[in-house]
Amino acid sequence: MAARNPARYLAPVAILATIAGGYLIVHNNLSSEHHTSHRHARVNDGPKGRYRHDTFYTVQPNDTLTSVSAATGVPIPTLEKLNPTININNLQTGQTIRLRR
């Protein structure tokens, strides 16, 4: 019986190492984007959630009307009613949105 070639064992190990490395790179990149996307520069860094009393919100990169609603506690229909001139499908970074009257 002939001796087995060591490459027969090294190839699957190399494939698994490549997959694990790719997973770690993607996972770290996604988690760092997730953490930075929730750091919004707001007009007032006072109380959060339902106790906030900001009148305006400045749109940050990658914000959507849904994310603005979640961050400020103002329902989407209210945002649409208070901001009839904004294009909800194309929010621009730096754009100001009214939250309350």
N, C-alpha and C. Protein backbone atom coordinates (compact mmCIF):
# COMPACT_ATOMS: atom_id res chain seq x y z
N MET A 1 0.83 -1.17 0.00
CA MET A 1 0.00 0.00 0.00
C MET A 1 0.89 1.24 0.00
N ALA A 2 0.57 2.19 -0.84
CA ALA A 2 1.39 3.39 -1.01
C ALA A 2 1.13 4.38 0.12
N ALA A 3 2.12 5.19 0.44
CA ALA A 3 1.98 6.21 1.49
C ALA A 3 1.03 7.31 1.01
N ARG A 4 0.26 7.85 1.95
CA ARG A 4 -0.69 8.90 1.59
C ARG A 4 0.01 10.25 1.47
N ASN A 5 -0.48 11.02 0.54
CA ASN A 5 0.08 12.33 0.27
C ASN A 5 -0.40 13.31 1.35
N PRO A 6 0.51 14.10 1.99
CA PRO A 6 0.10 15.05 3.03
C PRO A 6 -0.84 16.13 2.50
N ALA A 7 -0.79 16.44 1.23
CA ALA A 7 -1.68 17.45 0.66
C ALA A 7 -3.14 17.03 0.77
N ARG A 8 -3.35 15.73 0.87
CA ARG A 8 -4.71 15.22 1.02
C ARG A 8 -5.34 15.73 2.31
N TYR A 9 -4.55 15.97 3.33
CA TYR A 9 -5.05 16.47 4.61
C TYR A 9 -4.96 18.00 4.70
N LEU A 10 -3.99 18.58 4.03
CA LEU A 10 -3.80 20.02 4.13
C LEU A 10 -4.84 20.82 3.33
N ALA A 11 -5.31 20.29 2.23
CA ALA A 11 -6.28 21.02 1.41
C ALA A 11 -7.58 21.29 2.17
N PRO A 12 -8.20 20.32 2.83
CA PRO A 12 -9.43 20.64 3.58
C PRO A 12 -9.18 21.60 4.74
N VAL A 13 -8.01 21.50 5.37
CA VAL A 13 -7.68 22.41 6.47
C VAL A 13 -7.56 23.83 5.92
N ALA A 14 -6.92 23.99 4.77
CA ALA A 14 -6.76 25.31 4.16
C ALA A 14 -8.12 25.89 3.77
N ILE A 15 -9.00 25.06 3.26
CA ILE A 15 -10.34 25.52 2.87
C ILE A 15 -11.11 25.99 4.11
N LEU A 16 -11.07 25.21 5.18
CA LEU A 16 -11.76 25.60 6.41
C LEU A 16 -11.18 26.89 7.01
N ALA A 17 -9.86 27.04 6.95
CA ALA A 17 -9.23 28.25 7.47
C ALA A 17 -9.65 29.47 6.65
N THR A 18 -9.76 29.32 5.34
CA THR A 18 -10.19 30.41 4.47
C THR A 18 -11.63 30.80 4.77
N ILE A 19 -12.49 29.82 4.94
CA ILE A 19 -13.90 30.10 5.26
C ILE A 19 -14.02 30.79 6.61
N ALA A 20 -13.29 30.30 7.62
CA ALA A 20 -13.34 30.90 8.95
C ALA A 20 -12.81 32.34 8.92
N GLY A 21 -11.74 32.58 8.20
CA GLY A 21 -11.19 33.93 8.08
C GLY A 21 -12.16 34.87 7.39
N GLY A 22 -12.79 34.40 6.33
CA GLY A 22 -13.77 35.22 5.62
C GLY A 22 -14.95 35.56 6.51
N TYR A 23 -15.42 34.58 7.27
CA TYR A 23 -16.53 34.82 8.20
C TYR A 23 -16.16 35.88 9.23
N LEU A 24 -14.98 35.77 9.81
CA LEU A 24 -14.56 36.73 10.84
C LEU A 24 -14.44 38.14 10.27
N ILE A 25 -13.93 38.26 9.07
CA ILE A 25 -13.79 39.58 8.45
C ILE A 25 -15.16 40.20 8.21
N VAL A 26 -16.07 39.43 7.63
CA VAL A 26 -17.41 39.95 7.35
C VAL A 26 -18.15 40.26 8.64
N HIS A 27 -18.06 39.38 9.62
CA HIS A 27 -18.75 39.58 10.89
C HIS A 27 -18.25 40.84 11.60
N ASN A 28 -16.94 41.04 11.65
CA ASN A 28 -16.39 42.24 12.30
C ASN A 28 -16.78 43.50 11.55
N ASN A 29 -16.81 43.44 10.23
CA ASN A 29 -17.18 44.61 9.44
C ASN A 29 -18.65 44.96 9.66
N LEU A 30 -19.51 43.97 9.69
CA LEU A 30 -20.94 44.22 9.91
C LEU A 30 -21.20 44.75 11.31
N SER A 31 -20.53 44.20 12.30
CA SER A 31 -20.78 44.66 13.67
C SER A 31 -20.24 46.07 13.88
N SER A 32 -19.13 46.44 13.21
CA SER A 32 -18.63 47.81 13.36
C SER A 32 -19.55 48.79 12.65
N GLU A 33 -20.15 48.41 11.50
CA GLU A 33 -21.10 49.28 10.83
C GLU A 33 -22.36 49.42 11.67
N HIS A 34 -22.77 48.33 12.31
CA HIS A 34 -23.97 48.37 13.15
C HIS A 34 -23.80 49.35 14.30
N HIS A 35 -22.64 49.32 14.94
CA HIS A 35 -22.41 50.19 16.09
C HIS A 35 -22.28 51.64 15.67
N THR A 36 -21.66 51.92 14.52
CA THR A 36 -21.50 53.32 14.12
C THR A 36 -22.78 53.89 13.55
N SER A 37 -23.68 53.05 13.03
CA SER A 37 -24.90 53.58 12.43
C SER A 37 -25.87 54.11 13.49
N HIS A 38 -25.70 53.75 14.75
CA HIS A 38 -26.60 54.20 15.79
C HIS A 38 -26.05 55.38 16.57
N ARG A 39 -24.92 55.91 16.14
CA ARG A 39 -24.36 57.09 16.79
C ARG A 39 -24.80 58.31 16.00
N HIS A 40 -25.93 58.87 16.37
CA HIS A 40 -26.48 60.01 15.66
C HIS A 40 -26.10 61.29 16.38
N ALA A 41 -25.70 62.27 15.60
CA ALA A 41 -25.48 63.59 16.17
C ALA A 41 -26.83 64.28 16.21
N ARG A 42 -27.33 64.53 17.38
CA ARG A 42 -28.66 65.11 17.53
C ARG A 42 -28.56 66.55 18.00
N VAL A 43 -29.64 67.26 17.81
CA VAL A 43 -29.69 68.65 18.23
C VAL A 43 -29.54 68.74 19.75
N ASN A 44 -30.13 67.79 20.47
CA ASN A 44 -30.13 67.81 21.93
C ASN A 44 -29.78 66.42 22.42
N ASP A 45 -28.72 66.28 23.19
CA ASP A 45 -28.35 64.97 23.71
C ASP A 45 -28.89 64.76 25.12
N GLY A 46 -30.06 65.28 25.39
CA GLY A 46 -30.70 65.13 26.69
C GLY A 46 -31.34 63.76 26.81
N PRO A 47 -32.50 63.69 27.44
CA PRO A 47 -33.17 62.41 27.64
C PRO A 47 -33.48 61.72 26.31
N LYS A 48 -33.55 60.41 26.34
CA LYS A 48 -33.80 59.61 25.15
C LYS A 48 -35.24 59.08 25.16
N GLY A 49 -35.66 58.55 24.01
CA GLY A 49 -36.95 57.87 23.90
C GLY A 49 -38.14 58.78 24.07
N ARG A 50 -39.16 58.32 24.80
CA ARG A 50 -40.41 59.06 24.90
C ARG A 50 -40.27 60.35 25.69
N TYR A 51 -39.16 60.53 26.40
CA TYR A 51 -38.97 61.73 27.19
C TYR A 51 -38.22 62.83 26.44
N ARG A 52 -37.83 62.56 25.22
CA ARG A 52 -37.13 63.57 24.42
C ARG A 52 -38.11 64.66 24.03
N HIS A 53 -37.60 65.86 23.91
CA HIS A 53 -38.46 66.96 23.52
C HIS A 53 -37.82 67.76 22.39
N ASP A 54 -37.03 67.12 21.53
CA ASP A 54 -36.44 67.80 20.39
C ASP A 54 -37.54 68.21 19.43
N THR A 55 -37.33 69.35 18.80
CA THR A 55 -38.27 69.82 17.80
C THR A 55 -37.82 69.40 16.41
N PHE A 56 -36.51 69.30 16.21
CA PHE A 56 -35.96 68.93 14.91
C PHE A 56 -34.95 67.80 15.06
N TYR A 57 -34.76 67.09 13.95
CA TYR A 57 -33.77 66.01 13.89
C TYR A 57 -32.94 66.23 12.64
N THR A 58 -31.62 66.09 12.75
CA THR A 58 -30.74 66.21 11.61
C THR A 58 -30.44 64.82 11.07
N VAL A 59 -30.72 64.61 9.79
CA VAL A 59 -30.56 63.30 9.16
C VAL A 59 -29.07 62.95 9.08
N GLN A 60 -28.74 61.72 9.47
CA GLN A 60 -27.39 61.19 9.45
C GLN A 60 -27.24 60.24 8.26
N PRO A 61 -26.01 59.88 7.89
CA PRO A 61 -25.82 58.93 6.78
C PRO A 61 -26.57 57.63 7.03
N ASN A 62 -27.20 57.11 6.01
CA ASN A 62 -27.95 55.84 6.02
C ASN A 62 -29.22 55.88 6.85
N ASP A 63 -29.70 57.06 7.23
CA ASP A 63 -30.96 57.16 7.95
C ASP A 63 -32.13 56.94 7.00
N THR A 64 -33.18 56.32 7.52
CA THR A 64 -34.44 56.19 6.82
C THR A 64 -35.51 56.78 7.73
N LEU A 65 -36.69 56.97 7.19
CA LEU A 65 -37.76 57.50 8.03
C LEU A 65 -38.07 56.54 9.17
N THR A 66 -37.94 55.24 8.92
CA THR A 66 -38.16 54.24 9.96
C THR A 66 -37.13 54.36 11.07
N SER A 67 -35.84 54.54 10.70
CA SER A 67 -34.80 54.65 11.73
C SER A 67 -34.94 55.95 12.51
N VAL A 68 -35.35 57.02 11.84
CA VAL A 68 -35.58 58.29 12.54
C VAL A 68 -36.73 58.13 13.53
N SER A 69 -37.79 57.46 13.10
CA SER A 69 -38.93 57.21 13.98
C SER A 69 -38.52 56.39 15.20
N ALA A 70 -37.73 55.35 14.97
CA ALA A 70 -37.29 54.51 16.08
C ALA A 70 -36.37 55.27 17.04
N ALA A 71 -35.50 56.12 16.50
CA ALA A 71 -34.54 56.84 17.34
C ALA A 71 -35.20 57.95 18.15
N THR A 72 -36.27 58.53 17.61
CA THR A 72 -36.87 59.68 18.27
C THR A 72 -38.17 59.36 18.99
N GLY A 73 -38.79 58.22 18.67
CA GLY A 73 -40.05 57.86 19.30
C GLY A 73 -41.25 58.54 18.68
N VAL A 74 -41.06 59.19 17.54
CA VAL A 74 -42.16 59.86 16.85
C VAL A 74 -42.68 58.92 15.76
N PRO A 75 -43.98 58.62 15.72
CA PRO A 75 -44.51 57.70 14.71
C PRO A 75 -44.31 58.22 13.28
N ILE A 76 -44.18 57.29 12.34
CA ILE A 76 -43.95 57.65 10.94
C ILE A 76 -45.07 58.53 10.38
N PRO A 77 -46.36 58.23 10.62
CA PRO A 77 -47.41 59.12 10.10
C PRO A 77 -47.27 60.56 10.61
N THR A 78 -46.84 60.72 11.85
CA THR A 78 -46.64 62.06 12.40
C THR A 78 -45.49 62.76 11.68
N LEU A 79 -44.41 62.04 11.43
CA LEU A 79 -43.28 62.62 10.69
C LEU A 79 -43.72 63.05 9.30
N GLU A 80 -44.51 62.21 8.63
CA GLU A 80 -44.98 62.55 7.29
C GLU A 80 -45.90 63.77 7.32
N LYS A 81 -46.75 63.86 8.33
CA LYS A 81 -47.68 64.98 8.46
C LYS A 81 -46.94 66.29 8.74
N LEU A 82 -45.92 66.24 9.59
CA LEU A 82 -45.18 67.45 9.95
C LEU A 82 -44.19 67.88 8.88
N ASN A 83 -43.84 66.98 7.96
CA ASN A 83 -42.86 67.27 6.93
C ASN A 83 -43.41 66.92 5.54
N PRO A 84 -44.42 67.65 5.07
CA PRO A 84 -45.05 67.29 3.80
C PRO A 84 -44.14 67.50 2.59
N THR A 85 -43.10 68.31 2.73
CA THR A 85 -42.25 68.60 1.56
C THR A 85 -41.07 67.65 1.41
N ILE A 86 -40.80 66.80 2.40
CA ILE A 86 -39.65 65.91 2.27
C ILE A 86 -40.00 64.70 1.43
N ASN A 87 -39.00 64.19 0.73
CA ASN A 87 -39.15 62.96 -0.04
C ASN A 87 -38.71 61.82 0.88
N ILE A 88 -39.66 61.03 1.37
CA ILE A 88 -39.33 60.00 2.36
C ILE A 88 -38.46 58.90 1.79
N ASN A 89 -38.39 58.78 0.47
CA ASN A 89 -37.55 57.76 -0.15
C ASN A 89 -36.15 58.26 -0.44
N ASN A 90 -35.89 59.54 -0.20
CA ASN A 90 -34.58 60.10 -0.52
C ASN A 90 -34.17 61.13 0.53
N LEU A 91 -33.96 60.69 1.76
CA LEU A 91 -33.50 61.60 2.80
C LEU A 91 -32.04 61.93 2.56
N GLN A 92 -31.69 63.19 2.72
CA GLN A 92 -30.32 63.65 2.49
C GLN A 92 -29.61 63.89 3.82
N THR A 93 -28.35 63.50 3.90
CA THR A 93 -27.56 63.73 5.10
C THR A 93 -27.50 65.23 5.38
N GLY A 94 -27.77 65.62 6.62
CA GLY A 94 -27.77 67.02 7.00
C GLY A 94 -29.13 67.68 6.90
N GLN A 95 -30.08 67.01 6.26
CA GLN A 95 -31.43 67.54 6.13
C GLN A 95 -32.08 67.59 7.51
N THR A 96 -32.89 68.61 7.76
CA THR A 96 -33.55 68.77 9.05
C THR A 96 -35.00 68.33 8.92
N ILE A 97 -35.44 67.51 9.87
CA ILE A 97 -36.81 67.00 9.89
C ILE A 97 -37.47 67.49 11.16
N ARG A 98 -38.70 68.00 11.02
CA ARG A 98 -39.47 68.46 12.18
C ARG A 98 -40.07 67.25 12.88
N LEU A 99 -39.91 67.21 14.22
CA LEU A 99 -40.44 66.13 15.03
C LEU A 99 -41.71 66.52 15.76
N ARG A 100 -41.77 67.78 16.17
CA ARG A 100 -42.92 68.28 16.94
C ARG A 100 -43.20 69.71 16.52
N ARG A 101 -44.38 70.18 16.87
CA ARG A 101 -44.73 71.60 16.59
C ARG A 101 -44.22 72.49 17.69
